[in-house]
């Protein structure tokens, strides 16, 4: 749900998408508020600096304050919960809202369903938001080795296909699709701004 997170995700050599959201998307009220990057978060290595923040309103519409940009990127951060685990699902419209350049939105990538989404796993503890990305490199290696099934839509994009219940089973069976929320230093972290006015 942050500029840093998604710049990091799509700056990789490839990306992993799901054919459709594994469950109906809703707004998590726990996300409402202003979120500020933590100094020791890996996102220091990518955009969204110490004076930037993400503002989430009651409908989970996110507006980013990024001092390195003249526009105000915005997108919807809707998600779902499976067995106590929370996920955000970002489709092409949300990604275009995040990376908006004022130009016409690019077409859906060839071979990719219009409703495809990429997933982020997150949790909130003591007003700290932790966000884990899909472990793209590991997923690609496992697909190539035949231990995980996904369709390669082009040289750098893999698509998990199936009905929502099949995709939910995939998430339950393979929690290691994502970077660990604890340990390893890969999870991005933000803190809730206590002095901010809730939108």
Protein backbone atom coordinates (compact mmCIF):
# COMPACT_ATOMS: atom_id res chain seq x y z
CA UNK A 1 0.00 0.00 0.00
CA UNK A 2 3.03 2.28 -0.20
CA UNK A 3 4.86 3.77 -3.12
CA UNK A 4 8.06 2.16 -1.88
CA UNK A 5 6.53 -1.27 -1.67
CA UNK A 6 5.17 -1.27 -5.18
CA UNK A 7 8.17 0.36 -6.78
CA UNK A 8 10.18 -2.44 -5.21
CA UNK A 9 7.73 -5.08 -6.40
CA UNK A 10 7.70 -4.01 -10.04
CA UNK A 11 11.34 -3.02 -10.23
CA UNK A 12 12.13 -6.71 -10.01
CA UNK A 13 12.94 -8.72 -13.11
CA UNK A 14 9.43 -10.16 -13.09
CA UNK A 15 6.15 -10.24 -11.24
CA UNK A 16 3.61 -12.77 -10.02
CA UNK A 17 -0.13 -12.27 -10.46
CA UNK A 18 -3.30 -14.17 -9.52
CA UNK A 19 -6.00 -14.72 -12.14
CA UNK A 20 -8.56 -13.09 -9.84
CA UNK A 21 -8.89 -12.11 -6.18
CA UNK A 22 -9.05 -15.28 -4.04
CA UNK A 23 -11.91 -13.78 -1.97
CA UNK A 24 -14.32 -10.81 -2.08
CA UNK A 25 -12.46 -7.55 -1.47
CA UNK A 26 -13.31 -5.33 1.48
CA UNK A 27 -11.85 -2.33 3.31
CA UNK A 28 -9.98 -3.15 6.51
CA UNK A 29 -10.82 -0.34 8.99
CA UNK A 30 -7.53 -1.02 10.79
CA UNK A 31 -5.72 0.55 7.82
CA UNK A 32 -7.47 3.92 8.15
CA UNK A 33 -5.13 6.74 9.14
CA UNK A 34 -1.76 8.21 8.24
CA UNK A 35 1.25 5.91 7.91
CA UNK A 36 4.87 7.05 8.07
CA UNK A 37 7.91 4.98 6.97
CA UNK A 38 10.07 3.62 9.78
CA UNK A 39 13.72 4.61 9.56
CA UNK A 40 15.02 1.03 9.63
CA UNK A 41 12.58 -0.29 7.04
CA UNK A 42 13.98 -1.65 3.76
CA UNK A 43 11.93 1.01 1.99
CA UNK A 44 14.72 3.48 2.83
CA UNK A 45 16.36 1.97 -0.25
CA UNK A 46 13.51 2.99 -2.53
CA UNK A 47 11.17 6.04 -2.80
CA UNK A 48 8.92 7.33 0.01
CA UNK A 49 11.31 9.05 2.36
CA UNK A 50 11.15 10.22 5.96
CA UNK A 51 8.95 13.24 5.19
CA UNK A 52 6.49 11.26 3.06
CA UNK A 53 3.40 9.37 4.17
CA UNK A 54 0.39 7.36 3.06
CA UNK A 55 -3.08 8.62 4.01
CA UNK A 56 -5.87 6.01 4.06
CA UNK A 57 -9.49 7.16 4.29
CA UNK A 58 -12.55 5.28 5.58
CA UNK A 59 -13.05 3.61 2.18
CA UNK A 60 -9.40 2.46 2.05
CA UNK A 61 -8.61 4.99 -0.66
CA UNK A 62 -4.91 5.76 -0.37
CA UNK A 63 -3.28 9.08 -1.19
CA UNK A 64 0.49 9.24 -1.11
CA UNK A 65 2.51 12.27 -0.15
CA UNK A 66 5.82 11.80 -1.92
CA UNK A 67 8.15 14.80 -1.94
CA UNK A 68 9.91 13.41 -5.00
CA UNK A 69 6.71 13.72 -7.09
CA UNK A 70 4.63 16.71 -8.12
CA UNK A 71 1.42 14.69 -8.42
CA UNK A 72 -0.46 12.88 -5.65
CA UNK A 73 -0.60 9.15 -6.45
CA UNK A 74 -3.76 7.48 -5.24
CA UNK A 75 -5.35 4.04 -5.40
CA UNK A 76 -7.71 1.75 -3.48
CA UNK A 77 -6.16 -0.70 -1.00
CA UNK A 78 -8.84 -3.38 -0.66
CA UNK A 79 -8.18 -6.87 0.55
CA UNK A 80 -9.39 -9.99 2.25
CA UNK A 81 -8.66 -12.34 5.15
CA UNK A 82 -8.00 -16.08 5.09
CA UNK A 83 -7.52 -18.01 8.33
CA UNK A 84 -6.48 -14.86 10.19
CA UNK A 85 -4.00 -13.77 7.50
CA UNK A 86 -4.62 -10.43 5.80
CA UNK A 87 -3.88 -9.64 2.15
CA UNK A 88 -4.18 -6.64 -0.16
CA UNK A 89 -5.13 -7.24 -3.80
CA UNK A 90 -4.00 -4.68 -6.36
CA UNK A 91 -5.28 -4.91 -9.91
CA UNK A 92 -4.15 -3.02 -12.99
CA UNK A 93 -6.39 -0.04 -12.20
CA UNK A 94 -4.90 0.28 -8.71
CA UNK A 95 -1.37 -0.05 -10.05
CA UNK A 96 -2.05 2.60 -12.69
CA UNK A 97 -3.41 4.87 -9.94
CA UNK A 98 -0.22 4.39 -8.00
CA UNK A 99 2.13 4.95 -10.91
CA UNK A 100 -0.04 7.52 -12.69
CA UNK A 101 1.98 9.75 -15.02
CA UNK A 102 -0.87 11.77 -16.47
CA UNK A 103 -0.74 9.70 -19.63
CA UNK A 104 -3.26 7.22 -20.98
CA UNK A 105 -3.31 4.02 -18.94
CA UNK A 106 -1.39 1.20 -20.62
CA UNK A 107 -3.36 -1.80 -21.91
CA UNK A 108 -3.61 -5.00 -19.90
CA UNK A 109 -0.43 -7.04 -20.53
CA UNK A 110 -0.78 -9.67 -23.24
CA UNK A 111 -2.07 -12.99 -21.94
CA UNK A 112 -3.14 -11.51 -18.62
CA UNK A 113 -6.83 -11.56 -17.50
CA UNK A 114 -8.32 -8.10 -16.95
CA UNK A 115 -9.24 -9.05 -13.37
CA UNK A 116 -5.76 -10.26 -12.40
CA UNK A 117 -4.25 -8.96 -9.15
CA UNK A 118 -0.97 -9.03 -7.35
CA UNK A 119 -1.11 -9.76 -3.62
CA UNK A 120 0.62 -8.27 -0.60
CA UNK A 121 0.48 -9.81 2.86
CA UNK A 122 0.26 -7.53 5.87
CA UNK A 123 -0.41 -7.24 9.57
CA UNK A 124 -0.66 -4.48 12.15
CA UNK A 125 0.89 -4.81 15.60
CA UNK A 126 1.20 -1.98 18.12
CA UNK A 127 0.45 0.62 15.44
CA UNK A 128 3.19 -0.77 13.20
CA UNK A 129 2.18 -1.91 9.73
CA UNK A 130 4.28 -4.71 8.25
CA UNK A 131 3.94 -5.57 4.57
CA UNK A 132 5.43 -8.60 2.84
CA UNK A 133 5.75 -8.98 -0.92
CA UNK A 134 5.47 -12.15 -2.93
CA UNK A 135 8.88 -13.85 -3.11
CA UNK A 136 9.00 -13.51 -6.88
CA UNK A 137 12.42 -15.08 -7.45
CA UNK A 138 11.64 -18.15 -5.33
CA UNK A 139 8.22 -18.58 -7.00
CA UNK A 140 9.74 -18.46 -10.47
CA UNK A 141 12.39 -21.01 -9.52
CA UNK A 142 9.77 -23.37 -8.08
CA UNK A 143 7.59 -23.06 -11.18
CA UNK A 144 10.54 -23.80 -13.43
CA UNK A 145 11.43 -26.81 -11.26
CA UNK A 146 7.86 -28.09 -11.48
CA UNK A 147 7.15 -27.96 -7.73
CA UNK A 148 4.64 -25.11 -8.11
CA UNK A 149 2.10 -24.63 -10.89
CA UNK A 150 1.67 -21.27 -12.61
CA UNK A 151 1.40 -20.12 -16.20
CA UNK A 152 4.22 -18.10 -17.69
CA UNK A 153 2.48 -15.32 -19.62
CA UNK A 154 5.76 -13.88 -20.86
CA UNK A 155 9.44 -14.13 -19.97
CA UNK A 156 9.02 -12.23 -16.72
CA UNK A 157 5.42 -12.71 -15.54
CA UNK A 158 3.78 -15.73 -13.92
CA UNK A 159 0.06 -16.20 -13.34
CA UNK A 160 -1.60 -18.42 -10.74
CA UNK A 161 -4.83 -19.61 -12.32
CA UNK A 162 -8.01 -21.09 -10.84
CA UNK A 163 -11.31 -20.42 -9.15
CA UNK A 164 -11.27 -18.29 -5.98
CA UNK A 165 -11.50 -21.37 -3.75
CA UNK A 166 -8.51 -22.92 -5.54
CA UNK A 167 -6.50 -19.75 -5.07
CA UNK A 168 -7.45 -19.66 -1.38
CA UNK A 169 -6.21 -23.23 -1.04
CA UNK A 170 -2.97 -22.18 -2.73
CA UNK A 171 -2.45 -19.45 -0.11
CA UNK A 172 -3.21 -21.86 2.73
CA UNK A 173 -0.92 -24.55 1.37
CA UNK A 174 1.96 -22.24 0.46
CA UNK A 175 2.36 -19.46 3.05
CA UNK A 176 5.98 -19.29 1.90
CA UNK A 177 4.89 -17.58 -1.33
CA UNK A 178 5.56 -14.34 0.58
CA UNK A 179 8.60 -12.93 2.26
CA UNK A 180 8.50 -13.49 6.03
CA UNK A 181 6.83 -10.78 8.10
CA UNK A 182 9.28 -11.55 10.89
CA UNK A 183 12.98 -11.83 10.27
CA UNK A 184 15.09 -11.45 7.18
CA UNK A 185 14.65 -7.69 7.03
CA UNK A 186 12.51 -7.83 3.87
CA UNK A 187 9.13 -6.82 5.33
CA UNK A 188 8.42 -3.12 4.85
CA UNK A 189 7.32 -1.29 7.97
CA UNK A 190 5.39 1.91 8.67
CA UNK A 191 4.05 3.42 11.88
CA UNK A 192 0.68 5.02 12.45
CA UNK A 193 0.96 8.79 12.95
CA UNK A 194 -0.80 9.40 16.27
CA UNK A 195 -1.12 13.15 15.73
CA UNK A 196 -2.73 12.88 12.30
CA UNK A 197 -6.40 13.66 11.76
CA UNK A 198 -8.23 10.60 10.49
CA UNK A 199 -9.75 11.38 7.09
